[in-house]
PDB file of N, CA and C in Angstrom:
ATOM      1  N   PHE A   1    -105.026 -35.955 156.514  1.00  0.00           N
ATOM      2  CA  PHE A   1    -105.814 -35.233 157.483  1.00  0.00           C
ATOM      3  C   PHE A   1    -105.270 -33.826 157.621  1.00  0.00           C
ATOM      4  N   VAL A   2    -106.147 -32.875 157.895  1.00  0.00           N
ATOM      5  CA  VAL A   2    -105.773 -31.468 157.915  1.00  0.00           C
ATOM      6  C   VAL A   2    -106.232 -30.777 159.196  1.00  0.00           C
ATOM      7  N   CYS A   3    -105.643 -29.597 159.421  1.00  0.00           N
ATOM      8  CA  CYS A   3    -106.018 -28.731 160.535  1.00  0.00           C
ATOM      9  C   CYS A   3    -106.027 -27.293 160.016  1.00  0.00           C
ATOM     10  N   THR A   4    -106.522 -26.376 160.810  1.00  0.00           N
ATOM     11  CA  THR A   4    -106.490 -24.974 160.407  1.00  0.00           C
ATOM     12  C   THR A   4    -105.108 -24.402 160.666  1.00  0.00           C
ATOM     13  N   ASP A   5    -104.742 -23.392 159.886  1.00  0.00           N
ATOM     14  CA  ASP A   5    -103.442 -22.750 160.091  1.00  0.00           C
ATOM     15  C   ASP A   5    -103.636 -21.353 160.690  1.00  0.00           C
ATOM     16  N   TYR A   6    -102.554 -20.674 160.949  1.00  0.00           N
ATOM     17  CA  TYR A   6    -102.589 -19.380 161.616  1.00  0.00           C
ATOM     18  C   TYR A   6    -103.312 -18.299 160.816  1.00  0.00           C
ATOM     19  N   ALA A   7    -103.460 -18.471 159.509  1.00  0.00           N
ATOM     20  CA  ALA A   7    -104.099 -17.473 158.661  1.00  0.00           C
ATOM     21  C   ALA A   7    -105.551 -17.818 158.332  1.00  0.00           C
ATOM     22  N   GLY A   8    -106.085 -18.890 158.952  1.00  0.00           N
ATOM     23  CA  GLY A   8    -107.455 -19.291 158.690  1.00  0.00           C
ATOM     24  C   GLY A   8    -107.615 -20.253 157.543  1.00  0.00           C
ATOM     25  N   GLY A   9    -106.515 -20.687 156.951  1.00  0.00           N
ATOM     26  CA  GLY A   9    -106.555 -21.681 155.886  1.00  0.00           C
ATOM     27  C   GLY A   9    -106.434 -23.071 156.469  1.00  0.00           C
ATOM     28  N   ILE A  10    -106.057 -24.031 155.642  1.00  0.00           N
ATOM     29  CA  ILE A  10    -105.845 -25.388 156.130  1.00  0.00           C
ATOM     30  C   ILE A  10    -104.448 -25.856 155.761  1.00  0.00           C
ATOM     31  N   THR A  11    -103.943 -26.793 156.532  1.00  0.00           N
ATOM     32  CA  THR A  11    -102.629 -27.380 156.302  1.00  0.00           C
ATOM     33  C   THR A  11    -102.653 -28.810 156.817  1.00  0.00           C
ATOM     34  N   LEU A  12    -101.644 -29.589 156.513  1.00  0.00           N
ATOM     35  CA  LEU A  12    -101.571 -30.975 156.960  1.00  0.00           C
ATOM     36  C   LEU A  12    -101.371 -31.052 158.470  1.00  0.00           C
ATOM     37  N   SER A  13    -102.054 -31.990 159.098  1.00  0.00           N
ATOM     38  CA  SER A  13    -101.909 -32.237 160.533  1.00  0.00           C
ATOM     39  C   SER A  13    -100.597 -32.944 160.820  1.00  0.00           C
ATOM     40  N   SER A  14    -100.173 -32.889 162.085  1.00  0.00           N
ATOM     41  CA  SER A  14     -98.934 -33.554 162.482  1.00  0.00           C
ATOM     42  C   SER A  14     -99.029 -34.031 163.921  1.00  0.00           C
ATOM     43  N   ALA A  15     -98.533 -35.233 164.187  1.00  0.00           N
ATOM     44  CA  ALA A  15     -98.495 -35.774 165.547  1.00  0.00           C
ATOM     45  C   ALA A  15     -97.094 -35.691 166.136  1.00  0.00           C
ATOM     46  N   THR A  16     -96.172 -35.085 165.413  1.00  0.00           N
ATOM     47  CA  THR A  16     -94.793 -34.990 165.864  1.00  0.00           C
ATOM     48  C   THR A  16     -94.652 -33.945 166.951  1.00  0.00           C
ATOM     49  N   GLY A  17     -93.905 -34.260 167.982  1.00  0.00           N
ATOM     50  CA  GLY A  17     -93.554 -33.263 168.984  1.00  0.00           C
ATOM     51  C   GLY A  17     -94.648 -32.845 169.925  1.00  0.00           C
ATOM     52  N   GLY A  18     -95.691 -33.639 170.079  1.00  0.00           N
ATOM     53  CA  GLY A  18     -96.727 -33.302 171.048  1.00  0.00           C
ATOM     54  C   GLY A  18     -97.636 -32.195 170.570  1.00  0.00           C
ATOM     55  N   ILE A  19     -98.371 -31.642 171.489  1.00  0.00           N
ATOM     56  CA  ILE A  19     -99.340 -30.606 171.149  1.00  0.00           C
ATOM     57  C   ILE A  19     -98.601 -29.322 170.822  1.00  0.00           C
ATOM     58  N   THR A  20     -98.788 -28.846 169.614  1.00  0.00           N
ATOM     59  CA  THR A  20     -98.116 -27.632 169.173  1.00  0.00           C
ATOM     60  C   THR A  20     -99.053 -26.446 169.342  1.00  0.00           C
ATOM     61  N   THR A  21     -98.508 -25.325 169.764  1.00  0.00           N
ATOM     62  CA  THR A  21     -99.338 -24.134 169.935  1.00  0.00           C
ATOM     63  C   THR A  21     -98.862 -22.959 169.099  1.00  0.00           C
ATOM     64  N   GLU A  22     -97.666 -23.006 168.589  1.00  0.00           N
ATOM     65  CA  GLU A  22     -97.145 -21.909 167.779  1.00  0.00           C
ATOM     66  C   GLU A  22     -96.706 -22.435 166.425  1.00  0.00           C
ATOM     67  N   PRO A  23     -97.115 -21.906 165.335  1.00  0.00           N
ATOM     68  CA  PRO A  23     -98.060 -20.799 165.277  1.00  0.00           C
ATOM     69  C   PRO A  23     -99.514 -21.245 165.360  1.00  0.00           C
ATOM     70  N   PHE A  24     -99.800 -22.539 165.382  1.00  0.00           N
ATOM     71  CA  PHE A  24    -101.171 -23.047 165.486  1.00  0.00           C
ATOM     72  C   PHE A  24    -101.110 -24.495 165.944  1.00  0.00           C
ATOM     73  N   HIS A  25    -102.255 -25.080 166.235  1.00  0.00           N
ATOM     74  CA  HIS A  25    -102.325 -26.457 166.744  1.00  0.00           C
ATOM     75  C   HIS A  25    -102.327 -27.448 165.586  1.00  0.00           C
ATOM     76  N   LYS A  26    -101.144 -27.916 165.167  1.00  0.00           N
ATOM     77  CA  LYS A  26    -101.037 -28.830 164.028  1.00  0.00           C
ATOM     78  C   LYS A  26    -101.540 -30.233 164.328  1.00  0.00           C
ATOM     79  N   ASN A  27    -101.764 -30.558 165.593  1.00  0.00           N
ATOM     80  CA  ASN A  27    -102.258 -31.890 165.922  1.00  0.00           C
ATOM     81  C   ASN A  27    -103.769 -31.929 166.067  1.00  0.00           C
ATOM     82  N   GLU A  28    -104.434 -30.811 165.913  1.00  0.00           N
ATOM     83  CA  GLU A  28    -105.892 -30.771 166.032  1.00  0.00           C
ATOM     84  C   GLU A  28    -106.542 -30.937 164.666  1.00  0.00           C
ATOM     85  N   SER A  29    -106.527 -32.153 164.168  1.00  0.00           N
ATOM     86  CA  SER A  29    -107.135 -32.455 162.869  1.00  0.00           C
ATOM     87  C   SER A  29    -108.607 -32.092 162.885  1.00  0.00           C
ATOM     88  N   ILE A  30    -109.059 -31.509 161.780  1.00  0.00           N
ATOM     89  CA  ILE A  30    -110.480 -31.195 161.652  1.00  0.00           C
ATOM     90  C   ILE A  30    -111.169 -32.147 160.683  1.00  0.00           C
ATOM     91  N   GLY A  31    -110.407 -33.023 160.029  1.00  0.00           N
ATOM     92  CA  GLY A  31    -110.983 -33.999 159.115  1.00  0.00           C
ATOM     93  C   GLY A  31    -110.033 -34.354 157.982  1.00  0.00           C
ATOM     94  N   ILE A  32    -110.595 -35.048 157.007  1.00  0.00           N
ATOM     95  CA  ILE A  32    -109.828 -35.487 155.843  1.00  0.00           C
ATOM     96  C   ILE A  32    -110.369 -34.786 154.603  1.00  0.00           C
ATOM     97  N   VAL A  33    -109.480 -34.405 153.706  1.00  0.00           N
ATOM     98  CA  VAL A  33    -109.888 -33.722 152.479  1.00  0.00           C
ATOM     99  C   VAL A  33    -110.567 -34.725 151.552  1.00  0.00           C
ATOM    100  N   LYS A  34    -111.793 -34.381 151.165  1.00  0.00           N
ATOM    101  CA  LYS A  34    -112.548 -35.224 150.232  1.00  0.00           C
ATOM    102  C   LYS A  34    -112.330 -34.754 148.798  1.00  0.00           C
ATOM    103  N   SER A  35    -112.332 -33.427 148.610  1.00  0.00           N
ATOM    104  CA  SER A  35    -112.146 -32.894 147.258  1.00  0.00           C
ATOM    105  C   SER A  35    -111.679 -31.445 147.328  1.00  0.00           C
ATOM    106  N   VAL A  36    -111.088 -31.002 146.207  1.00  0.00           N
ATOM    107  CA  VAL A  36    -110.639 -29.616 146.069  1.00  0.00           C
ATOM    108  C   VAL A  36    -111.174 -29.100 144.742  1.00  0.00           C
ATOM    109  N   TYR A  37    -111.847 -27.964 144.791  1.00  0.00           N
ATOM    110  CA  TYR A  37    -112.373 -27.311 143.593  1.00  0.00           C
ATOM    111  C   TYR A  37    -111.878 -25.874 143.607  1.00  0.00           C
ATOM    112  N   GLY A  38    -110.841 -25.586 142.834  1.00  0.00           N
ATOM    113  CA  GLY A  38    -110.273 -24.242 142.832  1.00  0.00           C
ATOM    114  C   GLY A  38    -109.770 -23.880 144.216  1.00  0.00           C
ATOM    115  N   ASN A  39    -110.350 -22.854 144.811  1.00  0.00           N
ATOM    116  CA  ASN A  39    -109.977 -22.431 146.168  1.00  0.00           C
ATOM    117  C   ASN A  39    -110.886 -23.012 147.240  1.00  0.00           C
ATOM    118  N   SER A  40    -111.803 -23.889 146.872  1.00  0.00           N
ATOM    119  CA  SER A  40    -112.725 -24.507 147.828  1.00  0.00           C
ATOM    120  C   SER A  40    -112.269 -25.928 148.147  1.00  0.00           C
ATOM    121  N   VAL A  41    -112.310 -26.258 149.432  1.00  0.00           N
ATOM    122  CA  VAL A  41    -111.899 -27.582 149.890  1.00  0.00           C
ATOM    123  C   VAL A  41    -113.044 -28.206 150.665  1.00  0.00           C
ATOM    124  N   GLU A  42    -113.425 -29.431 150.311  1.00  0.00           N
ATOM    125  CA  GLU A  42    -114.458 -30.164 151.039  1.00  0.00           C
ATOM    126  C   GLU A  42    -113.765 -31.106 152.017  1.00  0.00           C
ATOM    127  N   ILE A  43    -114.116 -30.982 153.300  1.00  0.00           N
ATOM    128  CA  ILE A  43    -113.496 -31.776 154.364  1.00  0.00           C
ATOM    129  C   ILE A  43    -114.562 -32.632 155.033  1.00  0.00           C
ATOM    130  N   VAL A  44    -114.264 -33.916 155.222  1.00  0.00           N
ATOM    131  CA  VAL A  44    -115.147 -34.826 155.947  1.00  0.00           C
ATOM    132  C   VAL A  44    -114.626 -34.897 157.383  1.00  0.00           C
ATOM    133  N   ASN A  45    -115.484 -34.546 158.359  1.00  0.00           N
ATOM    134  CA  ASN A  45    -115.046 -34.575 159.753  1.00  0.00           C
ATOM    135  C   ASN A  45    -115.803 -35.587 160.609  1.00  0.00           C
ATOM    136  N   SER A  46    -116.750 -36.300 160.003  1.00  0.00           N
ATOM    137  CA  SER A  46    -117.432 -37.386 160.705  1.00  0.00           C
ATOM    138  C   SER A  46    -118.183 -38.226 159.681  1.00  0.00           C
ATOM    139  N   GLY A  47    -118.507 -39.446 160.084  1.00  0.00           N
ATOM    140  CA  GLY A  47    -119.273 -40.318 159.213  1.00  0.00           C
ATOM    141  C   GLY A  47    -118.406 -41.167 158.300  1.00  0.00           C
ATOM    142  N   LEU A  48    -119.066 -41.893 157.411  1.00  0.00           N
ATOM    143  CA  LEU A  48    -118.397 -42.828 156.513  1.00  0.00           C
ATOM    144  C   LEU A  48    -117.636 -42.079 155.422  1.00  0.00           C
ATOM    145  N   TYR A  49    -116.386 -42.484 155.217  1.00  0.00           N
ATOM    146  CA  TYR A  49    -115.543 -41.909 154.167  1.00  0.00           C
ATOM    147  C   TYR A  49    -114.985 -43.053 153.335  1.00  0.00           C
ATOM    148  N   ALA A  50    -115.186 -42.978 152.017  1.00  0.00           N
ATOM    149  CA  ALA A  50    -114.644 -43.969 151.088  1.00  0.00           C
ATOM    150  C   ALA A  50    -113.538 -43.291 150.291  1.00  0.00           C
ATOM    151  N   GLY A  51    -112.403 -43.930 150.193  1.00  0.00           N
ATOM    152  CA  GLY A  51    -111.305 -43.348 149.448  1.00  0.00           C
ATOM    153  C   GLY A  51    -109.955 -43.758 150.006  1.00  0.00           C
ATOM    154  N   PHE A  52    -109.971 -44.586 151.013  1.00  0.00           N
ATOM    155  CA  PHE A  52    -108.733 -45.131 151.562  1.00  0.00           C
ATOM    156  C   PHE A  52    -108.302 -46.326 150.722  1.00  0.00           C
ATOM    157  N   THR A  53    -107.100 -46.824 150.953  1.00  0.00           N
ATOM    158  CA  THR A  53    -106.648 -48.073 150.358  1.00  0.00           C
ATOM    159  C   THR A  53    -105.842 -48.841 151.403  1.00  0.00           C
ATOM    160  N   GLY A  54    -105.923 -50.149 151.354  1.00  0.00           N
ATOM    161  CA  GLY A  54    -105.081 -51.002 152.179  1.00  0.00           C
ATOM    162  C   GLY A  54    -105.390 -51.039 153.662  1.00  0.00           C
ATOM    163  N   LEU A  55    -106.613 -50.702 154.055  1.00  0.00           N
ATOM    164  CA  LEU A  55    -106.967 -50.726 155.478  1.00  0.00           C
ATOM    165  C   LEU A  55    -107.303 -52.135 155.941  1.00  0.00           C
ATOM    166  N   THR A  56    -107.245 -52.348 157.247  1.00  0.00           N
ATOM    167  CA  THR A  56    -107.687 -53.595 157.866  1.00  0.00           C
ATOM    168  C   THR A  56    -109.028 -53.323 158.539  1.00  0.00           C
ATOM    169  N   ALA A  57    -110.071 -54.018 158.115  1.00  0.00           N
ATOM    170  CA  ALA A  57    -111.413 -53.782 158.659  1.00  0.00           C
ATOM    171  C   ALA A  57    -111.428 -53.956 160.172  1.00  0.00           C
ATOM    172  N   GLY A  58    -112.065 -53.017 160.860  1.00  0.00           N
ATOM    173  CA  GLY A  58    -112.202 -53.069 162.310  1.00  0.00           C
ATOM    174  C   GLY A  58    -111.037 -52.443 163.064  1.00  0.00           C
ATOM    175  N   GLN A  59    -110.034 -51.965 162.372  1.00  0.00           N
ATOM    176  CA  GLN A  59    -108.834 -51.393 162.994  1.00  0.00           C
ATOM    177  C   GLN A  59    -109.017 -49.898 163.237  1.00  0.00           C
ATOM    178  N   ALA A  60    -108.595 -49.425 164.412  1.00  0.00           N
ATOM    179  CA  ALA A  60    -108.561 -47.987 164.686  1.00  0.00           C
ATOM    180  C   ALA A  60    -107.281 -47.406 164.089  1.00  0.00           C
ATOM    181  N   TYR A  61    -107.369 -46.193 163.573  1.00  0.00           N
ATOM    182  CA  TYR A  61    -106.216 -45.510 162.985  1.00  0.00           C
ATOM    183  C   TYR A  61    -106.011 -44.162 163.685  1.00  0.00           C
ATOM    184  N   TYR A  62    -104.740 -43.755 163.774  1.00  0.00           N
ATOM    185  CA  TYR A  62    -104.329 -42.567 164.517  1.00  0.00           C
ATOM    186  C   TYR A  62    -103.544 -41.617 163.630  1.00  0.00           C
ATOM    187  N   LEU A  63    -103.461 -40.349 164.054  1.00  0.00           N
ATOM    188  CA  LEU A  63    -102.618 -39.383 163.370  1.00  0.00           C
ATOM    189  C   LEU A  63    -101.180 -39.884 163.410  1.00  0.00           C
ATOM    190  N   ASP A  64    -100.517 -39.873 162.260  1.00  0.00           N
ATOM    191  CA  ASP A  64     -99.177 -40.447 162.120  1.00  0.00           C
ATOM    192  C   ASP A  64     -98.091 -39.429 162.483  1.00  0.00           C
ATOM    193  N   PRO A  65     -97.201 -39.766 163.416  1.00  0.00           N
ATOM    194  CA  PRO A  65     -96.111 -38.850 163.750  1.00  0.00           C
ATOM    195  C   PRO A  65     -94.996 -38.836 162.703  1.00  0.00           C
ATOM    196  N   GLU A  66     -95.011 -39.762 161.773  1.00  0.00           N
ATOM    197  CA  GLU A  66     -93.962 -39.868 160.753  1.00  0.00           C
ATOM    198  C   GLU A  66     -94.295 -39.134 159.451  1.00  0.00           C
ATOM    199  N   THR A  67     -95.596 -39.026 159.125  1.00  0.00           N
ATOM    200  CA  THR A  67     -96.021 -38.468 157.844  1.00  0.00           C
ATOM    201  C   THR A  67     -97.021 -37.345 158.061  1.00  0.00           C
ATOM    202  N   MET A  68     -96.683 -36.146 157.611  1.00  0.00           N
ATOM    203  CA  MET A  68     -97.598 -35.006 157.725  1.00  0.00           C
ATOM    204  C   MET A  68     -98.926 -35.349 157.052  1.00  0.00           C
ATOM    205  N   GLY A  69    -100.032 -35.192 157.783  1.00  0.00           N
ATOM    206  CA  GLY A  69    -101.353 -35.453 157.244  1.00  0.00           C
ATOM    207  C   GLY A  69    -101.703 -36.920 157.145  1.00  0.00           C
ATOM    208  N   GLY A  70    -100.784 -37.795 157.534  1.00  0.00           N
ATOM    209  CA  GLY A  70    -100.991 -39.233 157.396  1.00  0.00           C
ATOM    210  C   GLY A  70    -101.647 -39.876 158.609  1.00  0.00           C
ATOM    211  N   PHE A  71    -101.897 -41.162 158.481  1.00  0.00           N
ATOM    212  CA  PHE A  71    -102.498 -41.943 159.560  1.00  0.00           C
ATOM    213  C   PHE A  71    -101.773 -43.273 159.681  1.00  0.00           C
ATOM    214  N   THR A  72    -101.906 -43.897 160.846  1.00  0.00           N
ATOM    215  CA  THR A  72    -101.262 -45.172 161.114  1.00  0.00           C
ATOM    216  C   THR A  72    -102.134 -45.990 162.058  1.00  0.00           C
ATOM    217  N   TYR A  73    -102.025 -47.316 161.988  1.00  0.00           N
ATOM    218  CA  TYR A  73    -102.759 -48.156 162.926  1.00  0.00           C
ATOM    219  C   TYR A  73    -102.002 -48.337 164.230  1.00  0.00           C
ATOM    220  N   ASN A  74    -100.745 -47.919 164.262  1.00  0.00           N
ATOM    221  CA  ASN A  74     -99.965 -47.982 165.502  1.00  0.00           C
ATOM    222  C   ASN A  74    -100.149 -46.677 166.262  1.00  0.00           C
ATOM    223  N   ALA A  75    -100.781 -46.746 167.420  1.00  0.00           N
ATOM    224  CA  ALA A  75    -100.951 -45.540 168.229  1.00  0.00           C
ATOM    225  C   ALA A  75     -99.577 -45.007 168.612  1.00  0.00           C
ATOM    226  N   PRO A  76     -99.340 -43.706 168.453  1.00  0.00           N
ATOM    227  CA  PRO A  76     -98.048 -43.143 168.841  1.00  0.00           C
ATOM    228  C   PRO A  76     -97.703 -43.497 170.285  1.00  0.00           C
ATOM    229  N   SER A  77     -96.433 -43.849 170.522  1.00  0.00           N
ATOM    230  CA  SER A  77     -96.032 -44.291 171.855  1.00  0.00           C
ATOM    231  C   SER A  77     -94.728 -43.659 172.339  1.00  0.00           C
ATOM    232  N   VAL A  78     -94.164 -42.747 171.542  1.00  0.00           N
ATOM    233  CA  VAL A  78     -92.921 -42.082 171.914  1.00  0.00           C
ATOM    234  C   VAL A  78     -93.251 -40.825 172.710  1.00  0.00           C
ATOM    235  N   ALA A  79     -92.557 -40.622 173.815  1.00  0.00           N
ATOM    236  CA  ALA A  79     -92.789 -39.453 174.662  1.00  0.00           C
ATOM    237  C   ALA A  79     -92.752 -38.173 173.837  1.00  0.00           C
ATOM    238  N   GLY A  80     -93.739 -37.328 174.023  1.00  0.00           N
ATOM    239  CA  GLY A  80     -93.822 -36.062 173.330  1.00  0.00           C
ATOM    240  C   GLY A  80     -94.687 -36.076 172.082  1.00  0.00           C
ATOM    241  N   GLN A  81     -94.979 -37.259 171.524  1.00  0.00           N
ATOM    242  CA  GLN A  81     -95.827 -37.327 170.336  1.00  0.00           C
ATOM    243  C   GLN A  81     -97.292 -37.171 170.739  1.00  0.00           C
ATOM    244  N   THR A  82     -98.109 -36.801 169.765  1.00  0.00           N
ATOM    245  CA  THR A  82     -99.547 -36.667 169.987  1.00  0.00           C
ATOM    246  C   THR A  82    -100.252 -37.967 169.621  1.00  0.00           C
ATOM    247  N   LYS A  83    -101.152 -38.391 170.479  1.00  0.00           N
ATOM    248  CA  LYS A  83    -101.989 -39.557 170.202  1.00  0.00           C
ATOM    249  C   LYS A  83    -103.395 -39.034 169.925  1.00  0.00           C
ATOM    250  N   LYS A  84    -103.836 -39.160 168.666  1.00  0.00           N
ATOM    251  CA  LYS A  84    -105.162 -38.689 168.262  1.00  0.00           C
ATOM    252  C   LYS A  84    -105.802 -39.730 167.362  1.00  0.00           C
ATOM    253  N   ARG A  85    -106.863 -40.328 167.830  1.00  0.00           N
ATOM    254  CA  ARG A  85    -107.607 -41.308 167.037  1.00  0.00           C
ATOM    255  C   ARG A  85    -108.382 -40.559 165.952  1.00  0.00           C
ATOM    256  N   LEU A  86    -108.323 -41.092 164.714  1.00  0.00           N
ATOM    257  CA  LEU A  86    -108.961 -40.436 163.582  1.00  0.00           C
ATOM    258  C   LEU A  86    -110.180 -41.182 163.050  1.00  0.00           C
ATOM    259  N   PHE A  87    -110.052 -42.506 162.899  1.00  0.00           N
ATOM    260  CA  PHE A  87    -111.156 -43.272 162.321  1.00  0.00           C
ATOM    261  C   PHE A  87    -111.004 -44.752 162.618  1.00  0.00           C
ATOM    262  N   VAL A  88    -112.100 -45.492 162.354  1.00  0.00           N
ATOM    263  CA  VAL A  88    -112.107 -46.954 162.432  1.00  0.00           C
ATOM    264  C   VAL A  88    -112.491 -47.461 161.048  1.00  0.00           C
ATOM    265  N   SER A  89    -111.699 -48.378 160.515  1.00  0.00           N
ATOM    266  CA  SER A  89    -111.964 -48.892 159.170  1.00  0.00           C
ATOM    267  C   SER A  89    -113.117 -49.892 159.183  1.00  0.00           C
ATOM    268  N   THR A  90    -113.891 -49.863 158.118  1.00  0.00           N
ATOM    269  CA  THR A  90    -114.996 -50.809 157.954  1.00  0.00           C
ATOM    270  C   THR A  90    -114.731 -51.784 156.819  1.00  0.00           C
ATOM    271  N   SER A  91    -113.724 -51.460 156.002  1.00  0.00           N
ATOM    272  CA  SER A  91    -113.314 -52.310 154.879  1.00  0.00           C
ATOM    273  C   SER A  91    -111.927 -51.825 154.451  1.00  0.00           C
ATOM    274  N   PRO A  92    -111.323 -52.470 153.463  1.00  0.00           N
ATOM    275  CA  PRO A  92    -110.012 -51.998 152.997  1.00  0.00           C
ATOM    276  C   PRO A  92    -110.024 -50.583 152.410  1.00  0.00           C
ATOM    277  N   THR A  93    -111.211 -50.068 152.036  1.00  0.00           N
ATOM    278  CA  THR A  93    -111.277 -48.758 151.386  1.00  0.00           C
ATOM    279  C   THR A  93    -112.163 -47.732 152.093  1.00  0.00           C
ATOM    280  N   GLU A  94    -112.809 -48.120 153.182  1.00  0.00           N
ATOM    281  CA  GLU A  94    -113.731 -47.216 153.877  1.00  0.00           C
ATOM    282  C   GLU A  94    -113.467 -47.184 155.377  1.00  0.00           C
ATOM    283  N   GLY A  95    -113.827 -46.059 155.970  1.00  0.00           N
ATOM    284  CA  GLY A  95    -113.712 -45.933 157.411  1.00  0.00           C
ATOM    285  C   GLY A  95    -114.717 -44.933 157.937  1.00  0.00           C
ATOM    286  N   ILE A  96    -115.014 -45.037 159.226  1.00  0.00           N
ATOM    287  CA  ILE A  96    -115.903 -44.091 159.879  1.00  0.00           C
ATOM    288  C   ILE A  96    -115.029 -43.083 160.610  1.00  0.00           C
ATOM    289  N   ILE A  97    -115.098 -41.833 160.170  1.00  0.00           N
ATOM    290  CA  ILE A  97    -114.313 -40.771 160.771  1.00  0.00           C
ATOM    291  C   ILE A  97    -114.884 -40.465 162.150  1.00  0.00           C
ATOM    292  N   GLU A  98    -114.040 -40.568 163.172  1.00  0.00           N
ATOM    293  CA  GLU A  98    -114.409 -40.303 164.568  1.00  0.00           C
ATOM    294  C   GLU A  98    -113.211 -39.597 165.215  1.00  0.00           C
ATOM    295  N   LEU A  99    -113.103 -38.312 165.028  1.00  0.00           N
ATOM    296  CA  LEU A  99    -111.941 -37.580 165.544  1.00  0.00           C
ATOM    297  C   LEU A  99    -111.961 -37.569 167.065  1.00  0.00           C
ATOM    298  N   GLY A 100    -110.889 -38.100 167.659  1.00  0.00           N
ATOM    299  CA  GLY A 100    -110.761 -38.135 169.107  1.00  0.00           C
ATOM    300  C   GLY A 100    -110.019 -36.930 169.631  1.00  0.00           C
ATOM    301  N   ASP A 101    -109.917 -36.854 170.949  1.00  0.00           N
ATOM    302  CA  ASP A 101    -109.141 -35.793 171.596  1.00  0.00           C
ATOM    303  C   ASP A 101    -107.650 -36.015 171.363  1.00  0.00           C
ATOM    304  N   SER A 102    -106.903 -34.933 171.407  1.00  0.00           N
ATOM    305  CA  SER A 102    -105.443 -35.022 171.308  1.00  0.00           C
ATOM    306  C   SER A 102    -104.847 -35.120 172.705  1.00  0.00           C
ATOM    307  N   THR A 103    -103.993 -36.122 172.892  1.00  0.00           N
ATOM    308  CA  THR A 103    -103.272 -36.254 174.157  1.00  0.00           C
ATOM    309  C   THR A 103    -101.797 -36.422 173.844  1.00  0.00           C
ATOM    310  N   THR A 104    -100.946 -36.013 174.768  1.00  0.00           N
ATOM    311  CA  THR A 104     -99.521 -36.161 174.570  1.00  0.00           C
ATOM    312  C   THR A 104     -99.054 -37.421 175.264  1.00  0.00           C
ATOM    313  N   VAL A 105     -98.264 -38.229 174.562  1.00  0.00           N
ATOM    314  CA  VAL A 105     -97.731 -39.482 175.114  1.00  0.00           C
ATOM    315  C   VAL A 105     -96.682 -39.136 176.141  1.00  0.00           C
TER     316      VAL A 105
END
């Protein structure tokens, strides 16, 4: 999962350390990268996305505080981390992207 960076580009999202404001909001995911063509990046920010592996159908997934740009089924629970719901899986390889609000634990 990615967010915008201070220069208007994109970078990996992060749930570590709560809501970050400097130099940009790294916990405000705008979606997941679907493809990259040269300098163009296609991002999915809602709807069905196929390309995951190892998901549990019906499980909600959150921005991962351990892995930049990653996701986890365990909602962050450590004080200061960001809790941001990203998607709900529909099968082991697909999920419906539903970006939630960012809150600090």
